[in-house]
């Protein structure tokens, strides 16, 4: 007697956890302008006679800035190469869609930042008179003071180098849910570490980096829903693969 393998379906995606929470965070940032919190945290890293504590720190610049960016670019190049090779080698064909997702999600997560910086013109903390610069602070939705050099600091570009790895969580969510959770924690931890490093250098406020995390999560989620998510039909019982039986993903 042979047993027929049921088609694979994705674990149920909770709209409240995956979509509602980041949208609620974005709404709170818009409704309650986080200026006081941003200044309070940035003040911790600023010395009046010296500037921001890590502004010219070689380790921060080399490793938390340059090397991390280079690593993300390398992963992107390898993903694109793997995607192209999947059209050549039949054995790689099964990876075509997952690799296509990874390329698209990570590409959009990082590509969305530069145009938003140009569009909003928000200054970095180190540009402001409060921290020894020459620019006047204005909130995200406020009117910008006249300036010859518009800011390019919202959202946090460097933080996206870490939060873009939310894509790995969604890539692994259906196949290796336990490993996916590790990827989720890792992406959040890396994005948070890079955010903190840039805040210590005076490059961003806390809210800039929170916005980056929200954008990157929503982009990775949206690409996942369009490309990889396969919900089980209503009334059916899906047989999970691998270690999905023990998982409950958002």
C-alpha atoms as a PDB file:
ATOM      1  CA  UNK A   1       0.000   0.000   0.000  1.00  0.00           C
ATOM      2  CA  UNK A   2       1.372   3.384  -0.985  1.00  0.00           C
ATOM      3  CA  UNK A   3       0.593   6.681   0.642  1.00  0.00           C
ATOM      4  CA  UNK A   4      -0.015   9.753  -1.456  1.00  0.00           C
ATOM      5  CA  UNK A   5       1.877  12.866  -0.415  1.00  0.00           C
ATOM      6  CA  UNK A   6      -0.410  15.801   0.062  1.00  0.00           C
ATOM      7  CA  UNK A   7       0.509  19.106  -1.623  1.00  0.00           C
ATOM      8  CA  UNK A   8       2.569  21.488   0.469  1.00  0.00           C
ATOM      9  CA  UNK A   9       0.919  24.591   1.852  1.00  0.00           C
ATOM     10  CA  UNK A  10       2.402  27.483   3.788  1.00  0.00           C
ATOM     11  CA  UNK A  11       1.748  27.842   7.523  1.00  0.00           C
ATOM     12  CA  UNK A  12      -1.116  30.242   8.170  1.00  0.00           C
ATOM     13  CA  UNK A  13      -0.055  33.882   7.939  1.00  0.00           C
ATOM     14  CA  UNK A  14      -1.501  36.029  10.692  1.00  0.00           C
ATOM     15  CA  UNK A  15      -2.433  39.416   9.277  1.00  0.00           C
ATOM     16  CA  UNK A  16      -2.602  40.888  12.772  1.00  0.00           C
ATOM     17  CA  UNK A  17       0.949  39.887  13.658  1.00  0.00           C
ATOM     18  CA  UNK A  18       2.601  40.315  10.277  1.00  0.00           C
ATOM     19  CA  UNK A  19       0.762  43.351   8.902  1.00  0.00           C
ATOM     20  CA  UNK A  20      -1.186  44.964  11.730  1.00  0.00           C
ATOM     21  CA  UNK A  21       1.720  45.474  14.126  1.00  0.00           C
ATOM     22  CA  UNK A  22       4.094  47.263  11.684  1.00  0.00           C
ATOM     23  CA  UNK A  23       1.244  49.431  10.380  1.00  0.00           C
ATOM     24  CA  UNK A  24       0.306  50.301  13.967  1.00  0.00           C
ATOM     25  CA  UNK A  25       3.920  51.289  14.681  1.00  0.00           C
ATOM     26  CA  UNK A  26       3.947  53.508  11.585  1.00  0.00           C
ATOM     27  CA  UNK A  27       0.664  55.127  12.633  1.00  0.00           C
ATOM     28  CA  UNK A  28       2.000  55.835  16.125  1.00  0.00           C
ATOM     29  CA  UNK A  29       5.130  57.456  14.693  1.00  0.00           C
ATOM     30  CA  UNK A  30       2.956  59.718  12.548  1.00  0.00           C
ATOM     31  CA  UNK A  31       0.424  60.578  15.253  1.00  0.00           C
ATOM     32  CA  UNK A  32       2.851  61.037  18.145  1.00  0.00           C
ATOM     33  CA  UNK A  33       5.909  62.837  16.775  1.00  0.00           C
ATOM     34  CA  UNK A  34       8.896  61.150  18.516  1.00  0.00           C
ATOM     35  CA  UNK A  35      11.066  64.276  18.668  1.00  0.00           C
ATOM     36  CA  UNK A  36      11.606  64.243  22.429  1.00  0.00           C
ATOM     37  CA  UNK A  37      12.551  60.566  22.448  1.00  0.00           C
ATOM     38  CA  UNK A  38      14.865  61.003  19.469  1.00  0.00           C
ATOM     39  CA  UNK A  39      16.670  63.901  21.110  1.00  0.00           C
ATOM     40  CA  UNK A  40      16.853  62.174  24.500  1.00  0.00           C
ATOM     41  CA  UNK A  41      18.588  59.129  23.011  1.00  0.00           C
ATOM     42  CA  UNK A  42      20.903  61.098  20.716  1.00  0.00           C
ATOM     43  CA  UNK A  43      21.899  63.319  23.650  1.00  0.00           C
ATOM     44  CA  UNK A  44      23.324  60.223  25.349  1.00  0.00           C
ATOM     45  CA  UNK A  45      25.885  59.856  22.572  1.00  0.00           C
ATOM     46  CA  UNK A  46      26.845  63.520  22.218  1.00  0.00           C
ATOM     47  CA  UNK A  47      29.623  65.299  24.091  1.00  0.00           C
ATOM     48  CA  UNK A  48      29.370  69.113  23.748  1.00  0.00           C
ATOM     49  CA  UNK A  49      33.115  69.638  23.377  1.00  0.00           C
ATOM     50  CA  UNK A  50      33.844  66.574  21.251  1.00  0.00           C
ATOM     51  CA  UNK A  51      30.752  65.712  19.210  1.00  0.00           C
ATOM     52  CA  UNK A  52      29.176  62.292  18.829  1.00  0.00           C
ATOM     53  CA  UNK A  53      31.194  59.604  20.578  1.00  0.00           C
ATOM     54  CA  UNK A  54      31.676  57.377  17.513  1.00  0.00           C
ATOM     55  CA  UNK A  55      31.568  60.025  14.767  1.00  0.00           C
ATOM     56  CA  UNK A  56      35.120  59.364  13.567  1.00  0.00           C
ATOM     57  CA  UNK A  57      35.632  55.915  15.055  1.00  0.00           C
ATOM     58  CA  UNK A  58      37.612  53.767  12.591  1.00  0.00           C
ATOM     59  CA  UNK A  59      36.084  50.476  13.783  1.00  0.00           C
ATOM     60  CA  UNK A  60      32.540  51.759  13.377  1.00  0.00           C
ATOM     61  CA  UNK A  61      33.257  53.154   9.918  1.00  0.00           C
ATOM     62  CA  UNK A  62      35.141  50.119   8.633  1.00  0.00           C
ATOM     63  CA  UNK A  63      33.065  47.300  10.064  1.00  0.00           C
ATOM     64  CA  UNK A  64      29.615  48.620  10.976  1.00  0.00           C
ATOM     65  CA  UNK A  65      29.431  50.715   7.837  1.00  0.00           C
ATOM     66  CA  UNK A  66      31.640  49.640   4.925  1.00  0.00           C
ATOM     67  CA  UNK A  67      32.068  45.898   5.542  1.00  0.00           C
ATOM     68  CA  UNK A  68      28.404  45.265   6.260  1.00  0.00           C
ATOM     69  CA  UNK A  69      27.364  47.052   3.078  1.00  0.00           C
ATOM     70  CA  UNK A  70      29.877  45.040   1.108  1.00  0.00           C
ATOM     71  CA  UNK A  71      28.547  41.801   2.624  1.00  0.00           C
ATOM     72  CA  UNK A  72      24.979  42.666   1.644  1.00  0.00           C
ATOM     73  CA  UNK A  73      26.099  43.504  -1.897  1.00  0.00           C
ATOM     74  CA  UNK A  74      27.976  40.201  -2.093  1.00  0.00           C
ATOM     75  CA  UNK A  75      24.914  38.237  -0.968  1.00  0.00           C
ATOM     76  CA  UNK A  76      22.831  40.093  -3.542  1.00  0.00           C
ATOM     77  CA  UNK A  77      25.321  39.305  -6.322  1.00  0.00           C
ATOM     78  CA  UNK A  78      25.448  35.623  -5.338  1.00  0.00           C
ATOM     79  CA  UNK A  79      21.632  35.468  -5.283  1.00  0.00           C
ATOM     80  CA  UNK A  80      21.436  36.988  -8.765  1.00  0.00           C
ATOM     81  CA  UNK A  81      24.094  34.564 -10.011  1.00  0.00           C
ATOM     82  CA  UNK A  82      22.188  31.626  -8.530  1.00  0.00           C
ATOM     83  CA  UNK A  83      18.969  32.851 -10.112  1.00  0.00           C
ATOM     84  CA  UNK A  84      20.610  33.083 -13.542  1.00  0.00           C
ATOM     85  CA  UNK A  85      22.188  29.647 -13.166  1.00  0.00           C
ATOM     86  CA  UNK A  86      18.788  28.158 -12.318  1.00  0.00           C
ATOM     87  CA  UNK A  87      17.831  28.759 -15.961  1.00  0.00           C
ATOM     88  CA  UNK A  88      20.894  26.798 -17.092  1.00  0.00           C
ATOM     89  CA  UNK A  89      21.059  23.860 -14.673  1.00  0.00           C
ATOM     90  CA  UNK A  90      17.880  21.830 -14.301  1.00  0.00           C
ATOM     91  CA  UNK A  91      18.819  20.718 -10.806  1.00  0.00           C
ATOM     92  CA  UNK A  92      18.669  24.348  -9.707  1.00  0.00           C
ATOM     93  CA  UNK A  93      15.252  24.977 -11.240  1.00  0.00           C
ATOM     94  CA  UNK A  94      13.496  24.372  -7.907  1.00  0.00           C
ATOM     95  CA  UNK A  95      15.451  27.301  -6.444  1.00  0.00           C
ATOM     96  CA  UNK A  96      14.421  29.725  -9.171  1.00  0.00           C
ATOM     97  CA  UNK A  97      11.396  31.153  -7.381  1.00  0.00           C
ATOM     98  CA  UNK A  98      13.010  31.327  -3.898  1.00  0.00           C
ATOM     99  CA  UNK A  99      16.102  33.017  -5.332  1.00  0.00           C
ATOM    100  CA  UNK A 100      13.917  35.357  -7.369  1.00  0.00           C
ATOM    101  CA  UNK A 101      12.104  36.266  -4.165  1.00  0.00           C
ATOM    102  CA  UNK A 102      15.377  36.904  -2.336  1.00  0.00           C
ATOM    103  CA  UNK A 103      16.703  39.129  -5.117  1.00  0.00           C
ATOM    104  CA  UNK A 104      13.480  41.125  -5.357  1.00  0.00           C
ATOM    105  CA  UNK A 105      12.814  41.502  -1.616  1.00  0.00           C
ATOM    106  CA  UNK A 106      16.364  42.469  -0.674  1.00  0.00           C
ATOM    107  CA  UNK A 107      16.729  44.666  -3.738  1.00  0.00           C
ATOM    108  CA  UNK A 108      13.563  46.630  -3.005  1.00  0.00           C
ATOM    109  CA  UNK A 109      14.357  46.879   0.716  1.00  0.00           C
ATOM    110  CA  UNK A 110      17.601  48.696   0.005  1.00  0.00           C
ATOM    111  CA  UNK A 111      16.552  50.502  -3.198  1.00  0.00           C
ATOM    112  CA  UNK A 112      13.581  52.263  -1.582  1.00  0.00           C
ATOM    113  CA  UNK A 113      15.798  54.207   0.830  1.00  0.00           C
ATOM    114  CA  UNK A 114      17.679  56.662  -1.472  1.00  0.00           C
ATOM    115  CA  UNK A 115      14.567  58.120  -3.176  1.00  0.00           C
ATOM    116  CA  UNK A 116      12.848  58.539   0.181  1.00  0.00           C
ATOM    117  CA  UNK A 117      15.897  60.380   1.501  1.00  0.00           C
ATOM    118  CA  UNK A 118      15.796  62.752  -1.465  1.00  0.00           C
ATOM    119  CA  UNK A 119      12.036  63.223  -1.249  1.00  0.00           C
ATOM    120  CA  UNK A 120      11.877  64.040   2.468  1.00  0.00           C
ATOM    121  CA  UNK A 121      15.064  66.110   2.926  1.00  0.00           C
ATOM    122  CA  UNK A 122      15.349  65.231   6.635  1.00  0.00           C
ATOM    123  CA  UNK A 123      18.656  66.197   8.238  1.00  0.00           C
ATOM    124  CA  UNK A 124      20.916  63.967  10.314  1.00  0.00           C
ATOM    125  CA  UNK A 125      21.460  64.768  13.993  1.00  0.00           C
ATOM    126  CA  UNK A 126      25.054  65.857  13.247  1.00  0.00           C
ATOM    127  CA  UNK A 127      23.673  68.507  10.857  1.00  0.00           C
ATOM    128  CA  UNK A 128      21.598  70.233  13.535  1.00  0.00           C
ATOM    129  CA  UNK A 129      22.552  73.259  15.592  1.00  0.00           C
ATOM    130  CA  UNK A 130      21.764  71.272  18.749  1.00  0.00           C
ATOM    131  CA  UNK A 131      24.704  69.028  17.923  1.00  0.00           C
ATOM    132  CA  UNK A 132      27.140  71.554  16.520  1.00  0.00           C
ATOM    133  CA  UNK A 133      25.818  71.734  12.957  1.00  0.00           C
ATOM    134  CA  UNK A 134      24.172  74.592  11.126  1.00  0.00           C
ATOM    135  CA  UNK A 135      20.711  73.249  10.225  1.00  0.00           C
ATOM    136  CA  UNK A 136      17.346  73.765  11.923  1.00  0.00           C
ATOM    137  CA  UNK A 137      15.464  70.699  13.094  1.00  0.00           C
ATOM    138  CA  UNK A 138      12.066  69.966  11.589  1.00  0.00           C
ATOM    139  CA  UNK A 139       9.848  66.935  12.206  1.00  0.00           C
ATOM    140  CA  UNK A 140       9.160  64.417   9.461  1.00  0.00           C
ATOM    141  CA  UNK A 141       5.833  65.950   8.403  1.00  0.00           C
ATOM    142  CA  UNK A 142       6.844  69.519   9.251  1.00  0.00           C
ATOM    143  CA  UNK A 143       7.922  72.262   6.887  1.00  0.00           C
ATOM    144  CA  UNK A 144      11.654  72.307   6.130  1.00  0.00           C
ATOM    145  CA  UNK A 145      13.602  75.424   7.045  1.00  0.00           C
ATOM    146  CA  UNK A 146      15.380  77.154   4.125  1.00  0.00           C
ATOM    147  CA  UNK A 147      18.729  75.499   3.481  1.00  0.00           C
ATOM    148  CA  UNK A 148      21.347  75.206   0.775  1.00  0.00           C
ATOM    149  CA  UNK A 149      21.933  71.552   1.648  1.00  0.00           C
ATOM    150  CA  UNK A 150      18.778  69.432   2.123  1.00  0.00           C
ATOM    151  CA  UNK A 151      19.184  66.465   4.429  1.00  0.00           C
ATOM    152  CA  UNK A 152      19.368  62.844   3.298  1.00  0.00           C
ATOM    153  CA  UNK A 153      18.834  60.985   6.548  1.00  0.00           C
ATOM    154  CA  UNK A 154      15.302  59.561   6.550  1.00  0.00           C
ATOM    155  CA  UNK A 155      14.851  56.653   6.627  1.00  0.00           C
ATOM    156  CA  UNK A 156      18.019  55.051   7.968  1.00  0.00           C
ATOM    157  CA  UNK A 157      19.895  53.702   4.977  1.00  0.00           C
ATOM    158  CA  UNK A 158      22.506  51.753   6.864  1.00  0.00           C
ATOM    159  CA  UNK A 159      19.916  50.036   9.047  1.00  0.00           C
ATOM    160  CA  UNK A 160      18.383  48.597   5.878  1.00  0.00           C
ATOM    161  CA  UNK A 161      21.581  46.568   5.408  1.00  0.00           C
ATOM    162  CA  UNK A 162      20.497  44.585   8.461  1.00  0.00           C
ATOM    163  CA  UNK A 163      16.712  44.669   8.268  1.00  0.00           C
ATOM    164  CA  UNK A 164      16.770  43.558   4.625  1.00  0.00           C
ATOM    165  CA  UNK A 165      17.531  40.073   5.965  1.00  0.00           C
ATOM    166  CA  UNK A 166      13.894  39.824   7.017  1.00  0.00           C
ATOM    167  CA  UNK A 167      13.761  38.304   3.528  1.00  0.00           C
ATOM    168  CA  UNK A 168      15.609  35.230   4.818  1.00  0.00           C
ATOM    169  CA  UNK A 169      12.898  34.659   7.400  1.00  0.00           C
ATOM    170  CA  UNK A 170      10.179  34.591   4.774  1.00  0.00           C
ATOM    171  CA  UNK A 171      12.338  32.525   2.415  1.00  0.00           C
ATOM    172  CA  UNK A 172      12.739  29.830   5.097  1.00  0.00           C
ATOM    173  CA  UNK A 173       9.281  30.166   6.658  1.00  0.00           C
ATOM    174  CA  UNK A 174       7.639  27.389   4.638  1.00  0.00           C
ATOM    175  CA  UNK A 175      10.652  25.074   4.454  1.00  0.00           C
ATOM    176  CA  UNK A 176      12.574  25.347   7.714  1.00  0.00           C
ATOM    177  CA  UNK A 177      10.418  27.195  10.258  1.00  0.00           C
ATOM    178  CA  UNK A 178      12.835  26.754  13.148  1.00  0.00           C
ATOM    179  CA  UNK A 179      15.703  28.101  11.073  1.00  0.00           C
ATOM    180  CA  UNK A 180      13.400  30.863   9.845  1.00  0.00           C
ATOM    181  CA  UNK A 181      12.900  32.040  13.410  1.00  0.00           C
ATOM    182  CA  UNK A 182      16.674  32.138  13.883  1.00  0.00           C
ATOM    183  CA  UNK A 183      16.924  34.218  10.702  1.00  0.00           C
ATOM    184  CA  UNK A 184      14.224  36.565  11.992  1.00  0.00           C
ATOM    185  CA  UNK A 185      16.026  37.138  15.286  1.00  0.00           C
ATOM    186  CA  UNK A 186      19.323  37.537  13.452  1.00  0.00           C
ATOM    187  CA  UNK A 187      17.919  40.110  11.017  1.00  0.00           C
ATOM    188  CA  UNK A 188      16.364  42.098  13.848  1.00  0.00           C
ATOM    189  CA  UNK A 189      19.553  41.923  15.917  1.00  0.00           C
ATOM    190  CA  UNK A 190      21.777  42.979  12.995  1.00  0.00           C
ATOM    191  CA  UNK A 191      19.464  45.826  12.010  1.00  0.00           C
ATOM    192  CA  UNK A 192      19.314  46.992  15.613  1.00  0.00           C
ATOM    193  CA  UNK A 193      23.109  46.853  16.018  1.00  0.00           C
ATOM    194  CA  UNK A 194      23.665  48.827  12.818  1.00  0.00           C
ATOM    195  CA  UNK A 195      20.996  51.330  13.870  1.00  0.00           C
ATOM    196  CA  UNK A 196      22.652  51.831  17.245  1.00  0.00           C
ATOM    197  CA  UNK A 197      26.071  52.249  15.645  1.00  0.00           C
ATOM    198  CA  UNK A 198      24.831  54.999  13.336  1.00  0.00           C
ATOM    199  CA  UNK A 199      22.990  56.696  16.199  1.00  0.00           C
ATOM    200  CA  UNK A 200      26.242  56.732  18.166  1.00  0.00           C
ATOM    201  CA  UNK A 201      27.871  58.414  15.184  1.00  0.00           C
ATOM    202  CA  UNK A 202      25.114  61.038  14.955  1.00  0.00           C
ATOM    203  CA  UNK A 203      23.915  59.857  11.540  1.00  0.00           C
ATOM    204  CA  UNK A 204      20.335  58.990  12.520  1.00  0.00           C
ATOM    205  CA  UNK A 205      17.672  59.365  15.147  1.00  0.00           C
ATOM    206  CA  UNK A 206      15.972  56.295  16.607  1.00  0.00           C
ATOM    207  CA  UNK A 207      12.763  56.944  14.668  1.00  0.00           C
ATOM    208  CA  UNK A 208      14.658  56.977  11.354  1.00  0.00           C
ATOM    209  CA  UNK A 209      15.730  53.386  11.950  1.00  0.00           C
ATOM    210  CA  UNK A 210      12.333  52.230  13.191  1.00  0.00           C
ATOM    211  CA  UNK A 211      10.854  53.497   9.926  1.00  0.00           C
ATOM    212  CA  UNK A 212      13.493  51.498   8.041  1.00  0.00           C
ATOM    213  CA  UNK A 213      12.539  48.314   9.890  1.00  0.00           C
ATOM    214  CA  UNK A 214       8.854  48.895   9.107  1.00  0.00           C
ATOM    215  CA  UNK A 215       9.515  49.521   5.411  1.00  0.00           C
ATOM    216  CA  UNK A 216      11.804  46.515   5.024  1.00  0.00           C
ATOM    217  CA  UNK A 217       9.408  44.190   6.842  1.00  0.00           C
ATOM    218  CA  UNK A 218       6.442  45.290   4.735  1.00  0.00           C
ATOM    219  CA  UNK A 219       8.434  44.928   1.506  1.00  0.00           C
ATOM    220  CA  UNK A 220       9.653  41.438   2.404  1.00  0.00           C
ATOM    221  CA  UNK A 221       6.166  40.463   3.545  1.00  0.00           C
ATOM    222  CA  UNK A 222       4.544  41.784   0.373  1.00  0.00           C
ATOM    223  CA  UNK A 223       6.999  39.960  -1.899  1.00  0.00           C
ATOM    224  CA  UNK A 224       6.471  36.781   0.107  1.00  0.00           C
ATOM    225  CA  UNK A 225       2.688  37.039  -0.185  1.00  0.00           C
ATOM    226  CA  UNK A 226       2.945  37.521  -3.951  1.00  0.00           C
ATOM    227  CA  UNK A 227       5.631  34.976  -4.742  1.00  0.00           C
ATOM    228  CA  UNK A 228       5.954  32.235  -2.103  1.00  0.00           C
ATOM    229  CA  UNK A 229       2.900  32.106   0.138  1.00  0.00           C
ATOM    230  CA  UNK A 230       0.627  29.159  -0.636  1.00  0.00           C
ATOM    231  CA  UNK A 231      -2.309  29.113   1.801  1.00  0.00           C
ATOM    232  CA  UNK A 232      -4.183  25.884   2.231  1.00  0.00           C
ATOM    233  CA  UNK A 233      -7.694  25.835   0.709  1.00  0.00           C
ATOM    234  CA  UNK A 234     -10.466  26.374   3.225  1.00  0.00           C
ATOM    235  CA  UNK A 235     -11.571  23.152   4.859  1.00  0.00           C
ATOM    236  CA  UNK A 236      -8.443  21.210   3.855  1.00  0.00           C
ATOM    237  CA  UNK A 237      -5.850  19.740   6.164  1.00  0.00           C
ATOM    238  CA  UNK A 238      -2.322  20.414   4.997  1.00  0.00           C
ATOM    239  CA  UNK A 239       0.548  18.081   5.783  1.00  0.00           C
ATOM    240  CA  UNK A 240       3.534  20.218   6.714  1.00  0.00           C
ATOM    241  CA  UNK A 241       7.012  19.366   5.484  1.00  0.00           C
ATOM    242  CA  UNK A 242      10.221  19.122   7.465  1.00  0.00           C
ATOM    243  CA  UNK A 243       9.793  20.455  10.994  1.00  0.00           C
ATOM    244  CA  UNK A 244       6.699  22.560  10.303  1.00  0.00           C
ATOM    245  CA  UNK A 245       4.560  20.449  12.593  1.00  0.00           C
ATOM    246  CA  UNK A 246       6.219  22.051  15.583  1.00  0.00           C
ATOM    247  CA  UNK A 247       6.010  25.605  14.300  1.00  0.00           C
ATOM    248  CA  UNK A 248       3.554  28.434  14.562  1.00  0.00           C
ATOM    249  CA  UNK A 249       4.800  31.362  12.464  1.00  0.00           C
ATOM    250  CA  UNK A 250       3.404  34.904  12.296  1.00  0.00           C
END
